């Protein structure tokens, strides 16, 4: 029994992994729940003479609507956890978490997510999950299905302004058929220009 650092090291030596024994049948994935993590860490933490104390630093509560029109209580927390040993100062870490629930359990779920995340990170428990850096994402506007040339021809004839025509031209460029309709575009642009004179 010693400092918080010694407690952490002892727990890390005693608990090497926590399996994904939970199954979400609705969304078809396995998960490592808070009970599995606490059941693995708790005994080792007690044996080492340590304990963990949470402190909510920031809490944000919102009400949202579910896809089916129901009410969801959404909670986002920033929680500081301090690991204590029998001697010395605690080792402290902060995690962010979010959860939602249609009843009164959103905060409890969020605290569970925060606690589980903190313990997985603090005790370096392998998760067997893909590295977040394995995927990369680029932000931008969603791709829109290109407009068919036939649809474009009707739209060009029906256009009533140069701005509308320019937007249609961008569709033709994206669709890869601008060369096919270039003459029609030029004729309609001239007609619209003549109408505004």
N, C-alpha and C. Protein backbone atom coordinates (compact mmCIF):
# COMPACT_ATOMS: atom_id res chain seq x y z
N UNK A 1 0.85 -1.18 0.00
CA UNK A 1 0.00 0.00 0.00
C UNK A 1 0.89 1.23 0.00
N UNK A 2 0.65 2.09 -1.04
CA UNK A 2 1.53 3.23 -1.16
C UNK A 2 0.85 4.40 -1.83
N UNK A 3 1.58 5.03 -2.72
CA UNK A 3 1.08 6.22 -3.39
C UNK A 3 0.10 5.85 -4.49
N UNK A 4 -0.56 6.85 -5.03
CA UNK A 4 -1.51 6.63 -6.13
C UNK A 4 -0.79 6.01 -7.33
N UNK A 5 0.41 6.45 -7.60
CA UNK A 5 1.17 5.89 -8.73
C UNK A 5 1.46 4.40 -8.52
N UNK A 6 1.78 4.03 -7.29
CA UNK A 6 2.04 2.62 -6.99
C UNK A 6 0.76 1.79 -7.11
N UNK A 7 -0.36 2.38 -6.69
CA UNK A 7 -1.65 1.69 -6.83
C UNK A 7 -1.95 1.44 -8.31
N UNK A 8 -1.77 2.46 -9.14
CA UNK A 8 -2.04 2.34 -10.57
C UNK A 8 -1.17 1.25 -11.19
N UNK A 9 0.10 1.26 -10.87
CA UNK A 9 1.03 0.26 -11.41
C UNK A 9 0.64 -1.14 -10.97
N UNK A 10 0.23 -1.31 -9.73
CA UNK A 10 -0.18 -2.62 -9.23
C UNK A 10 -1.44 -3.12 -9.94
N UNK A 11 -2.41 -2.21 -10.13
CA UNK A 11 -3.65 -2.59 -10.83
C UNK A 11 -3.34 -2.95 -12.28
N UNK A 12 -2.46 -2.19 -12.93
CA UNK A 12 -2.08 -2.49 -14.31
C UNK A 12 -1.45 -3.87 -14.42
N UNK A 13 -0.69 -4.27 -13.40
CA UNK A 13 -0.07 -5.59 -13.41
C UNK A 13 -1.08 -6.70 -13.19
N UNK A 14 -2.12 -6.41 -12.42
CA UNK A 14 -3.12 -7.43 -12.09
C UNK A 14 -4.19 -7.60 -13.17
N UNK A 15 -4.53 -6.52 -13.85
CA UNK A 15 -5.60 -6.57 -14.85
C UNK A 15 -5.00 -6.27 -16.21
N UNK A 16 -4.96 -7.27 -17.06
CA UNK A 16 -4.31 -7.12 -18.37
C UNK A 16 -5.28 -6.79 -19.48
N UNK A 17 -6.55 -7.15 -19.34
CA UNK A 17 -7.54 -6.86 -20.39
C UNK A 17 -8.94 -7.05 -19.84
N UNK A 18 -9.90 -6.49 -20.55
CA UNK A 18 -11.32 -6.68 -20.24
C UNK A 18 -12.00 -6.98 -21.57
N UNK A 19 -12.62 -8.14 -21.65
CA UNK A 19 -13.24 -8.56 -22.91
C UNK A 19 -14.55 -7.84 -23.20
N UNK A 20 -14.93 -7.88 -24.46
CA UNK A 20 -16.22 -7.34 -24.89
C UNK A 20 -17.25 -8.46 -24.78
N UNK A 21 -17.87 -8.56 -23.61
CA UNK A 21 -18.83 -9.64 -23.39
C UNK A 21 -20.27 -9.19 -23.60
N UNK A 22 -20.52 -7.89 -23.61
CA UNK A 22 -21.88 -7.39 -23.84
C UNK A 22 -22.20 -7.39 -25.32
N UNK A 23 -23.48 -7.57 -25.65
CA UNK A 23 -23.92 -7.56 -27.04
C UNK A 23 -25.11 -6.64 -27.18
N UNK A 24 -25.02 -5.70 -28.11
CA UNK A 24 -26.15 -4.84 -28.47
C UNK A 24 -26.83 -5.51 -29.65
N UNK A 25 -27.93 -6.21 -29.37
CA UNK A 25 -28.63 -6.95 -30.42
C UNK A 25 -29.31 -6.01 -31.40
N UNK A 26 -29.74 -4.85 -30.93
CA UNK A 26 -30.45 -3.90 -31.79
C UNK A 26 -29.55 -3.36 -32.90
N UNK A 27 -28.30 -3.00 -32.55
CA UNK A 27 -27.38 -2.44 -33.54
C UNK A 27 -26.27 -3.43 -33.92
N UNK A 28 -26.34 -4.63 -33.37
CA UNK A 28 -25.46 -5.73 -33.76
C UNK A 28 -23.96 -5.44 -33.56
N UNK A 29 -23.59 -5.15 -32.31
CA UNK A 29 -22.16 -5.01 -32.01
C UNK A 29 -21.89 -5.48 -30.58
N UNK A 30 -20.64 -5.87 -30.32
CA UNK A 30 -20.22 -6.25 -28.98
C UNK A 30 -19.67 -5.01 -28.29
N UNK A 31 -19.81 -4.99 -26.95
CA UNK A 31 -19.27 -3.85 -26.23
C UNK A 31 -18.73 -4.30 -24.87
N UNK A 32 -17.93 -3.43 -24.30
CA UNK A 32 -17.34 -3.63 -22.98
C UNK A 32 -18.06 -2.66 -22.06
N UNK A 33 -18.96 -3.16 -21.25
CA UNK A 33 -19.77 -2.30 -20.39
C UNK A 33 -19.06 -1.89 -19.12
N UNK A 34 -19.69 -0.96 -18.42
CA UNK A 34 -19.13 -0.46 -17.16
C UNK A 34 -18.99 -1.58 -16.14
N UNK A 35 -19.96 -2.50 -16.08
CA UNK A 35 -19.88 -3.60 -15.11
C UNK A 35 -18.65 -4.48 -15.36
N UNK A 36 -18.37 -4.78 -16.61
CA UNK A 36 -17.21 -5.61 -16.92
C UNK A 36 -15.92 -4.93 -16.48
N UNK A 37 -15.83 -3.62 -16.71
CA UNK A 37 -14.61 -2.88 -16.35
C UNK A 37 -14.49 -2.78 -14.83
N UNK A 38 -15.58 -2.44 -14.14
CA UNK A 38 -15.53 -2.33 -12.67
C UNK A 38 -15.27 -3.70 -12.04
N UNK A 39 -15.87 -4.76 -12.58
CA UNK A 39 -15.64 -6.10 -12.04
C UNK A 39 -14.19 -6.54 -12.20
N UNK A 40 -13.52 -6.05 -13.23
CA UNK A 40 -12.11 -6.39 -13.43
C UNK A 40 -11.20 -5.50 -12.58
N UNK A 41 -11.46 -4.21 -12.56
CA UNK A 41 -10.59 -3.25 -11.88
C UNK A 41 -10.83 -3.21 -10.37
N UNK A 42 -12.09 -3.29 -9.96
CA UNK A 42 -12.45 -3.13 -8.54
C UNK A 42 -11.65 -3.98 -7.57
N UNK A 43 -11.64 -5.30 -7.75
CA UNK A 43 -10.88 -6.14 -6.81
C UNK A 43 -9.38 -5.78 -6.76
N UNK A 44 -8.80 -5.55 -7.92
CA UNK A 44 -7.36 -5.20 -7.96
C UNK A 44 -7.11 -3.86 -7.29
N UNK A 45 -8.03 -2.92 -7.47
CA UNK A 45 -7.90 -1.59 -6.86
C UNK A 45 -7.99 -1.70 -5.33
N UNK A 46 -8.91 -2.52 -4.85
CA UNK A 46 -9.05 -2.71 -3.39
C UNK A 46 -7.82 -3.41 -2.81
N UNK A 47 -7.33 -4.41 -3.52
CA UNK A 47 -6.13 -5.12 -3.06
C UNK A 47 -4.94 -4.18 -2.97
N UNK A 48 -4.85 -3.27 -3.91
CA UNK A 48 -3.73 -2.31 -3.93
C UNK A 48 -3.93 -1.18 -2.92
N UNK A 49 -5.12 -1.10 -2.31
CA UNK A 49 -5.37 -0.06 -1.31
C UNK A 49 -5.70 1.29 -1.91
N UNK A 50 -6.29 1.28 -3.10
CA UNK A 50 -6.63 2.55 -3.76
C UNK A 50 -8.11 2.73 -3.95
N UNK A 51 -8.49 3.94 -4.31
CA UNK A 51 -9.89 4.24 -4.64
C UNK A 51 -9.92 5.44 -5.58
N UNK A 52 -11.05 5.61 -6.26
CA UNK A 52 -11.20 6.66 -7.28
C UNK A 52 -12.37 7.55 -6.90
N UNK A 53 -12.18 8.86 -7.01
CA UNK A 53 -13.22 9.83 -6.67
C UNK A 53 -13.52 10.68 -7.91
N UNK A 54 -14.81 10.76 -8.31
CA UNK A 54 -15.18 11.61 -9.46
C UNK A 54 -15.51 13.03 -9.02
N UNK A 55 -15.31 13.96 -9.95
CA UNK A 55 -15.69 15.36 -9.73
C UNK A 55 -16.16 15.92 -11.07
N UNK A 56 -17.45 16.27 -11.17
CA UNK A 56 -17.99 16.80 -12.42
C UNK A 56 -17.52 18.25 -12.56
N UNK A 57 -16.80 18.53 -13.62
CA UNK A 57 -16.28 19.87 -13.88
C UNK A 57 -17.29 20.69 -14.68
N UNK A 58 -17.93 20.04 -15.65
CA UNK A 58 -18.88 20.75 -16.50
C UNK A 58 -19.99 19.78 -16.88
N UNK A 59 -21.22 20.29 -16.88
CA UNK A 59 -22.38 19.46 -17.26
C UNK A 59 -23.29 20.27 -18.17
N UNK A 60 -23.71 19.65 -19.26
CA UNK A 60 -24.63 20.28 -20.19
C UNK A 60 -25.80 19.32 -20.43
N UNK A 61 -26.98 19.82 -20.17
CA UNK A 61 -28.20 19.02 -20.32
C UNK A 61 -29.05 19.63 -21.42
N UNK A 62 -29.52 18.80 -22.33
CA UNK A 62 -30.37 19.26 -23.43
C UNK A 62 -31.49 18.25 -23.63
N UNK A 63 -32.54 18.71 -24.28
CA UNK A 63 -33.62 17.82 -24.67
C UNK A 63 -33.63 17.78 -26.19
N UNK A 64 -33.66 16.57 -26.74
CA UNK A 64 -33.66 16.39 -28.18
C UNK A 64 -34.82 15.49 -28.57
N UNK A 65 -35.05 15.39 -29.85
CA UNK A 65 -36.12 14.54 -30.35
C UNK A 65 -35.51 13.31 -31.00
N UNK A 66 -36.07 12.15 -30.69
CA UNK A 66 -35.59 10.91 -31.30
C UNK A 66 -36.11 10.81 -32.72
N UNK A 67 -35.58 9.84 -33.47
CA UNK A 67 -36.01 9.63 -34.85
C UNK A 67 -37.49 9.29 -34.94
N UNK A 68 -38.04 8.72 -33.87
CA UNK A 68 -39.46 8.35 -33.86
C UNK A 68 -40.34 9.42 -33.23
N UNK A 69 -39.74 10.57 -32.90
CA UNK A 69 -40.51 11.69 -32.37
C UNK A 69 -40.59 11.76 -30.86
N UNK A 70 -39.94 10.84 -30.16
CA UNK A 70 -39.95 10.86 -28.70
C UNK A 70 -38.95 11.86 -28.15
N UNK A 71 -38.99 12.03 -26.84
CA UNK A 71 -38.09 12.97 -26.17
C UNK A 71 -36.86 12.23 -25.66
N UNK A 72 -35.69 12.81 -25.90
CA UNK A 72 -34.44 12.26 -25.40
C UNK A 72 -33.75 13.30 -24.53
N UNK A 73 -33.38 12.90 -23.34
CA UNK A 73 -32.58 13.76 -22.47
C UNK A 73 -31.12 13.48 -22.79
N UNK A 74 -30.39 14.52 -23.19
CA UNK A 74 -29.00 14.39 -23.58
C UNK A 74 -28.12 15.06 -22.53
N UNK A 75 -27.06 14.37 -22.14
CA UNK A 75 -26.14 14.91 -21.13
C UNK A 75 -24.71 14.80 -21.66
N UNK A 76 -23.98 15.90 -21.53
CA UNK A 76 -22.55 15.92 -21.85
C UNK A 76 -21.82 16.37 -20.60
N UNK A 77 -20.84 15.59 -20.19
CA UNK A 77 -20.11 15.89 -18.96
C UNK A 77 -18.61 15.94 -19.21
N UNK A 78 -17.95 16.75 -18.43
CA UNK A 78 -16.50 16.70 -18.33
C UNK A 78 -16.25 16.33 -16.87
N UNK A 79 -15.62 15.18 -16.66
CA UNK A 79 -15.45 14.65 -15.31
C UNK A 79 -13.97 14.46 -15.01
N UNK A 80 -13.58 14.95 -13.84
CA UNK A 80 -12.22 14.75 -13.35
C UNK A 80 -12.26 13.59 -12.36
N UNK A 81 -11.38 12.63 -12.55
CA UNK A 81 -11.27 11.50 -11.64
C UNK A 81 -9.93 11.57 -10.94
N UNK A 82 -9.94 11.33 -9.63
CA UNK A 82 -8.70 11.32 -8.85
C UNK A 82 -8.51 9.94 -8.25
N UNK A 83 -7.33 9.37 -8.48
CA UNK A 83 -6.97 8.07 -7.93
C UNK A 83 -6.13 8.32 -6.68
N UNK A 84 -6.58 7.73 -5.57
CA UNK A 84 -5.88 7.90 -4.30
C UNK A 84 -5.24 6.59 -3.87
N UNK A 85 -4.09 6.70 -3.27
CA UNK A 85 -3.45 5.60 -2.57
C UNK A 85 -3.48 5.92 -1.09
N UNK A 86 -2.75 5.15 -0.30
CA UNK A 86 -2.73 5.40 1.15
C UNK A 86 -1.83 6.59 1.51
N UNK A 87 -0.94 6.96 0.58
CA UNK A 87 0.01 8.04 0.86
C UNK A 87 0.08 8.99 -0.33
N UNK A 88 0.43 10.23 -0.05
CA UNK A 88 0.73 11.18 -1.12
C UNK A 88 -0.49 11.75 -1.84
N UNK A 89 -0.18 12.50 -2.87
CA UNK A 89 -1.21 13.18 -3.65
C UNK A 89 -1.87 12.21 -4.64
N UNK A 90 -3.09 12.54 -5.05
CA UNK A 90 -3.76 11.70 -6.04
C UNK A 90 -3.20 11.92 -7.44
N UNK A 91 -3.47 10.97 -8.31
CA UNK A 91 -3.23 11.12 -9.74
C UNK A 91 -4.58 11.44 -10.34
N UNK A 92 -4.64 12.52 -11.12
CA UNK A 92 -5.92 13.02 -11.61
C UNK A 92 -5.94 13.03 -13.13
N UNK A 93 -7.10 12.72 -13.68
CA UNK A 93 -7.30 12.77 -15.13
C UNK A 93 -8.72 13.22 -15.43
N UNK A 94 -8.90 13.79 -16.61
CA UNK A 94 -10.20 14.32 -17.00
C UNK A 94 -10.65 13.67 -18.29
N UNK A 95 -11.93 13.32 -18.36
CA UNK A 95 -12.51 12.76 -19.58
C UNK A 95 -13.83 13.47 -19.88
N UNK A 96 -14.19 13.45 -21.14
CA UNK A 96 -15.49 13.96 -21.58
C UNK A 96 -16.34 12.77 -21.98
N UNK A 97 -17.64 12.90 -21.76
CA UNK A 97 -18.55 11.81 -22.11
C UNK A 97 -19.91 12.40 -22.46
N UNK A 98 -20.69 11.60 -23.20
CA UNK A 98 -22.05 12.01 -23.51
C UNK A 98 -22.94 10.78 -23.53
N UNK A 99 -24.22 11.00 -23.21
CA UNK A 99 -25.19 9.91 -23.21
C UNK A 99 -26.57 10.52 -23.35
N UNK A 100 -27.52 9.68 -23.75
CA UNK A 100 -28.90 10.14 -23.79
C UNK A 100 -29.82 9.03 -23.32
N UNK A 101 -31.00 9.42 -22.88
CA UNK A 101 -31.98 8.47 -22.38
C UNK A 101 -33.36 9.09 -22.50
N UNK A 102 -34.35 8.26 -22.73
CA UNK A 102 -35.71 8.78 -22.86
C UNK A 102 -36.36 9.00 -21.50
N UNK A 103 -35.71 8.52 -20.43
CA UNK A 103 -36.24 8.70 -19.08
C UNK A 103 -35.33 9.57 -18.25
N UNK A 104 -35.05 9.10 -17.04
CA UNK A 104 -34.27 9.89 -16.09
C UNK A 104 -32.85 9.36 -15.86
N UNK A 105 -32.34 8.59 -16.80
CA UNK A 105 -31.05 7.94 -16.57
C UNK A 105 -29.90 8.50 -17.41
N UNK A 106 -30.09 9.59 -18.11
CA UNK A 106 -29.04 10.12 -19.00
C UNK A 106 -27.78 10.49 -18.22
N UNK A 107 -27.94 11.12 -17.05
CA UNK A 107 -26.76 11.52 -16.28
C UNK A 107 -26.01 10.29 -15.75
N UNK A 108 -26.76 9.31 -15.24
CA UNK A 108 -26.12 8.09 -14.72
C UNK A 108 -25.38 7.36 -15.85
N UNK A 109 -25.99 7.29 -17.04
CA UNK A 109 -25.32 6.65 -18.18
C UNK A 109 -24.05 7.41 -18.54
N UNK A 110 -24.15 8.73 -18.53
CA UNK A 110 -22.99 9.55 -18.90
C UNK A 110 -21.84 9.38 -17.90
N UNK A 111 -22.18 9.31 -16.62
CA UNK A 111 -21.14 9.08 -15.61
C UNK A 111 -20.49 7.71 -15.81
N UNK A 112 -21.30 6.71 -16.17
CA UNK A 112 -20.75 5.38 -16.44
C UNK A 112 -19.80 5.38 -17.62
N UNK A 113 -20.18 6.09 -18.67
CA UNK A 113 -19.31 6.19 -19.85
C UNK A 113 -18.01 6.88 -19.48
N UNK A 114 -18.11 7.96 -18.70
CA UNK A 114 -16.91 8.70 -18.29
C UNK A 114 -16.00 7.82 -17.44
N UNK A 115 -16.58 7.12 -16.48
CA UNK A 115 -15.79 6.27 -15.57
C UNK A 115 -15.12 5.14 -16.33
N UNK A 116 -15.88 4.48 -17.21
CA UNK A 116 -15.32 3.39 -18.00
C UNK A 116 -14.17 3.90 -18.88
N UNK A 117 -14.38 5.03 -19.55
CA UNK A 117 -13.35 5.61 -20.40
C UNK A 117 -12.10 5.94 -19.61
N UNK A 118 -12.29 6.55 -18.44
CA UNK A 118 -11.15 6.91 -17.60
C UNK A 118 -10.34 5.67 -17.22
N UNK A 119 -11.04 4.63 -16.77
CA UNK A 119 -10.32 3.42 -16.34
C UNK A 119 -9.63 2.72 -17.50
N UNK A 120 -10.27 2.66 -18.66
CA UNK A 120 -9.62 2.04 -19.83
C UNK A 120 -8.34 2.77 -20.18
N UNK A 121 -8.39 4.09 -20.11
CA UNK A 121 -7.21 4.88 -20.47
C UNK A 121 -6.15 4.85 -19.37
N UNK A 122 -6.57 5.04 -18.13
CA UNK A 122 -5.61 5.09 -17.02
C UNK A 122 -4.85 3.78 -16.87
N UNK A 123 -5.58 2.68 -16.93
CA UNK A 123 -4.94 1.38 -16.70
C UNK A 123 -4.47 0.71 -18.00
N UNK A 124 -4.50 1.47 -19.10
CA UNK A 124 -4.00 1.01 -20.40
C UNK A 124 -4.57 -0.34 -20.79
N UNK A 125 -5.88 -0.47 -20.66
CA UNK A 125 -6.54 -1.73 -21.01
C UNK A 125 -6.77 -1.78 -22.51
N UNK A 126 -6.31 -2.84 -23.17
CA UNK A 126 -6.49 -2.93 -24.62
C UNK A 126 -7.97 -3.03 -24.97
N UNK A 127 -8.34 -2.39 -26.06
CA UNK A 127 -9.74 -2.39 -26.48
C UNK A 127 -9.97 -3.21 -27.73
N UNK A 128 -8.93 -3.60 -28.43
CA UNK A 128 -9.06 -4.35 -29.69
C UNK A 128 -9.99 -3.64 -30.67
N UNK A 129 -9.95 -2.34 -30.66
CA UNK A 129 -10.76 -1.55 -31.59
C UNK A 129 -9.84 -0.92 -32.62
N UNK A 130 -10.39 -0.57 -33.79
CA UNK A 130 -9.55 0.06 -34.82
C UNK A 130 -8.98 1.39 -34.31
N UNK A 131 -7.78 1.65 -34.72
CA UNK A 131 -7.15 2.92 -34.37
C UNK A 131 -7.92 4.05 -35.05
N UNK A 132 -8.27 5.12 -34.31
CA UNK A 132 -9.00 6.22 -34.93
C UNK A 132 -8.25 6.85 -36.11
N UNK A 133 -6.93 6.70 -36.14
CA UNK A 133 -6.15 7.25 -37.25
C UNK A 133 -6.19 6.37 -38.48
N UNK A 134 -6.82 5.18 -38.36
CA UNK A 134 -6.90 4.28 -39.51
C UNK A 134 -7.81 4.84 -40.59
N UNK A 135 -8.76 5.68 -40.20
CA UNK A 135 -9.67 6.30 -41.15
C UNK A 135 -9.43 7.80 -41.16
N UNK A 136 -9.62 8.39 -42.30
CA UNK A 136 -9.55 9.85 -42.38
C UNK A 136 -10.80 10.35 -43.07
N UNK A 137 -11.20 11.52 -42.71
CA UNK A 137 -12.43 12.10 -43.24
C UNK A 137 -12.14 13.49 -43.75
N UNK A 138 -12.79 13.85 -44.81
CA UNK A 138 -12.69 15.19 -45.35
C UNK A 138 -14.05 15.83 -45.27
N UNK A 139 -14.09 17.02 -44.70
CA UNK A 139 -15.35 17.74 -44.63
C UNK A 139 -15.64 18.40 -45.96
N UNK A 140 -16.87 18.56 -46.25
CA UNK A 140 -17.26 19.21 -47.49
C UNK A 140 -18.75 19.06 -47.69
N UNK A 141 -19.20 19.49 -48.82
CA UNK A 141 -20.62 19.36 -49.11
C UNK A 141 -20.90 17.95 -49.59
N UNK A 142 -22.07 17.44 -49.21
CA UNK A 142 -22.40 16.08 -49.65
C UNK A 142 -22.51 16.01 -51.16
N UNK A 143 -22.10 14.90 -51.70
CA UNK A 143 -22.17 14.71 -53.15
C UNK A 143 -23.62 14.54 -53.56
N UNK A 144 -24.02 15.24 -54.58
CA UNK A 144 -25.37 15.13 -55.12
C UNK A 144 -25.29 14.33 -56.40
N UNK A 145 -26.27 13.47 -56.57
CA UNK A 145 -26.27 12.67 -57.80
C UNK A 145 -26.31 13.61 -58.99
N UNK A 146 -25.48 13.34 -60.00
CA UNK A 146 -25.45 14.23 -61.16
C UNK A 146 -26.78 14.24 -61.90
N UNK A 147 -27.06 15.38 -62.49
CA UNK A 147 -28.28 15.54 -63.27
C UNK A 147 -28.09 14.89 -64.63
N UNK A 148 -29.09 14.16 -65.08
CA UNK A 148 -29.02 13.53 -66.39
C UNK A 148 -29.08 14.59 -67.48
N UNK A 149 -28.41 14.38 -68.62
CA UNK A 149 -28.41 15.38 -69.70
C UNK A 149 -29.83 15.73 -70.16
N UNK A 150 -30.73 14.75 -70.21
CA UNK A 150 -32.10 15.03 -70.66
C UNK A 150 -32.80 16.00 -69.72
N UNK A 151 -32.62 15.78 -68.41
CA UNK A 151 -33.21 16.67 -67.42
C UNK A 151 -32.60 18.05 -67.53
N UNK A 152 -31.32 18.08 -67.79
CA UNK A 152 -30.61 19.34 -67.91
C UNK A 152 -31.17 20.17 -69.08
N UNK A 153 -31.43 19.53 -70.21
CA UNK A 153 -31.94 20.25 -71.39
C UNK A 153 -33.27 20.91 -71.09
N UNK A 154 -34.16 20.22 -70.40
CA UNK A 154 -35.46 20.79 -70.04
C UNK A 154 -35.26 21.96 -69.08
N UNK A 155 -34.37 21.80 -68.11
CA UNK A 155 -34.12 22.85 -67.13
C UNK A 155 -33.51 24.09 -67.76
N UNK A 156 -32.61 23.91 -68.72
CA UNK A 156 -31.99 25.05 -69.40
C UNK A 156 -33.06 25.85 -70.14
N UNK A 157 -33.93 25.16 -70.87
CA UNK A 157 -35.00 25.85 -71.60
C UNK A 157 -35.94 26.59 -70.66
N UNK A 158 -36.15 26.07 -69.44
CA UNK A 158 -37.08 26.68 -68.49
C UNK A 158 -36.43 27.74 -67.61
N UNK A 159 -35.11 27.89 -67.67
CA UNK A 159 -34.43 28.84 -66.79
C UNK A 159 -34.88 30.26 -67.08
N UNK A 160 -34.94 31.07 -66.01
CA UNK A 160 -35.45 32.44 -66.15
C UNK A 160 -34.42 33.50 -65.77
N UNK A 161 -33.22 33.07 -65.35
CA UNK A 161 -32.19 34.06 -65.00
C UNK A 161 -30.81 33.51 -65.30
N UNK A 162 -29.86 34.41 -65.40
CA UNK A 162 -28.47 34.02 -65.64
C UNK A 162 -27.95 33.22 -64.43
N UNK A 163 -28.34 33.63 -63.21
CA UNK A 163 -27.90 32.92 -62.01
C UNK A 163 -28.38 31.47 -62.03
N UNK A 164 -29.63 31.25 -62.40
CA UNK A 164 -30.18 29.90 -62.48
C UNK A 164 -29.43 29.10 -63.55
N UNK A 165 -29.16 29.73 -64.65
CA UNK A 165 -28.44 29.08 -65.74
C UNK A 165 -27.02 28.70 -65.31
N UNK A 166 -26.35 29.59 -64.56
CA UNK A 166 -25.00 29.30 -64.07
C UNK A 166 -25.01 28.10 -63.12
N UNK A 167 -26.04 28.00 -62.28
CA UNK A 167 -26.15 26.85 -61.37
C UNK A 167 -26.33 25.56 -62.18
N UNK A 168 -27.11 25.62 -63.24
CA UNK A 168 -27.30 24.45 -64.10
C UNK A 168 -26.00 24.07 -64.79
N UNK A 169 -25.22 25.06 -65.18
CA UNK A 169 -23.93 24.79 -65.81
C UNK A 169 -23.01 24.03 -64.85
N UNK A 170 -23.04 24.39 -63.57
CA UNK A 170 -22.24 23.68 -62.56
C UNK A 170 -22.67 22.21 -62.48
N UNK A 171 -23.99 21.98 -62.58
CA UNK A 171 -24.49 20.60 -62.60
C UNK A 171 -23.96 19.84 -63.82
N UNK A 172 -23.92 20.51 -64.95
CA UNK A 172 -23.42 19.87 -66.18
C UNK A 172 -21.94 19.53 -66.04
N UNK A 173 -21.18 20.44 -65.41
CA UNK A 173 -19.76 20.16 -65.19
C UNK A 173 -19.58 18.96 -64.27
N UNK A 174 -20.37 18.91 -63.19
CA UNK A 174 -20.27 17.79 -62.24
C UNK A 174 -20.70 16.50 -62.91
N UNK A 175 -21.71 16.58 -63.77
CA UNK A 175 -22.22 15.39 -64.43
C UNK A 175 -21.35 14.90 -65.57
N UNK A 176 -20.39 15.71 -65.99
CA UNK A 176 -19.48 15.29 -67.03
C UNK A 176 -20.04 15.40 -68.44
N UNK A 177 -21.11 16.16 -68.62
CA UNK A 177 -21.70 16.27 -69.97
C UNK A 177 -21.78 17.72 -70.43
N UNK A 178 -20.93 18.58 -69.89
CA UNK A 178 -20.96 19.99 -70.27
C UNK A 178 -20.66 20.20 -71.75
N UNK A 179 -19.76 19.39 -72.31
CA UNK A 179 -19.43 19.56 -73.73
C UNK A 179 -20.63 19.26 -74.61
N UNK A 180 -21.45 18.31 -74.18
CA UNK A 180 -22.63 17.91 -74.95
C UNK A 180 -23.67 19.02 -75.02
N UNK A 181 -23.79 19.81 -73.96
CA UNK A 181 -24.87 20.81 -73.88
C UNK A 181 -24.35 22.25 -73.98
N UNK A 182 -23.09 22.41 -74.31
CA UNK A 182 -22.50 23.75 -74.33
C UNK A 182 -23.22 24.68 -75.30
N UNK A 183 -23.57 24.21 -76.48
CA UNK A 183 -24.26 25.06 -77.46
C UNK A 183 -25.62 25.51 -76.95
N UNK A 184 -26.37 24.56 -76.36
CA UNK A 184 -27.68 24.90 -75.82
C UNK A 184 -27.55 25.94 -74.71
N UNK A 185 -26.54 25.76 -73.85
CA UNK A 185 -26.29 26.70 -72.76
C UNK A 185 -26.01 28.09 -73.30
N UNK A 186 -25.14 28.18 -74.30
CA UNK A 186 -24.78 29.47 -74.89
C UNK A 186 -25.99 30.17 -75.51
N UNK A 187 -26.83 29.41 -76.23
CA UNK A 187 -28.03 29.99 -76.85
C UNK A 187 -28.99 30.53 -75.80
N UNK A 188 -29.19 29.76 -74.70
CA UNK A 188 -30.14 30.22 -73.67
C UNK A 188 -29.57 31.42 -72.94
N UNK A 189 -28.27 31.44 -72.71
CA UNK A 189 -27.64 32.58 -72.04
C UNK A 189 -27.81 33.83 -72.89
N UNK A 190 -27.62 33.71 -74.21
CA UNK A 190 -27.79 34.85 -75.09
C UNK A 190 -29.24 35.33 -75.04
N UNK A 191 -30.19 34.38 -75.07
CA UNK A 191 -31.61 34.74 -75.03
C UNK A 191 -31.96 35.47 -73.75
N UNK A 192 -31.46 34.99 -72.61
CA UNK A 192 -31.73 35.65 -71.33
C UNK A 192 -31.09 37.03 -71.28
N UNK A 193 -29.89 37.16 -71.84
CA UNK A 193 -29.21 38.46 -71.87
C UNK A 193 -30.00 39.44 -72.73
N UNK A 194 -30.48 38.96 -73.90
CA UNK A 194 -31.27 39.82 -74.79
C UNK A 194 -32.58 40.26 -74.13
N UNK A 195 -33.20 39.37 -73.31
CA UNK A 195 -34.46 39.69 -72.65
C UNK A 195 -34.30 40.79 -71.61
N UNK A 196 -33.12 40.89 -70.99
CA UNK A 196 -32.90 41.88 -69.95
C UNK A 196 -32.47 43.24 -70.49
N UNK A 197 -32.24 43.32 -71.79
CA UNK A 197 -31.82 44.60 -72.38
C UNK A 197 -33.02 45.49 -72.62
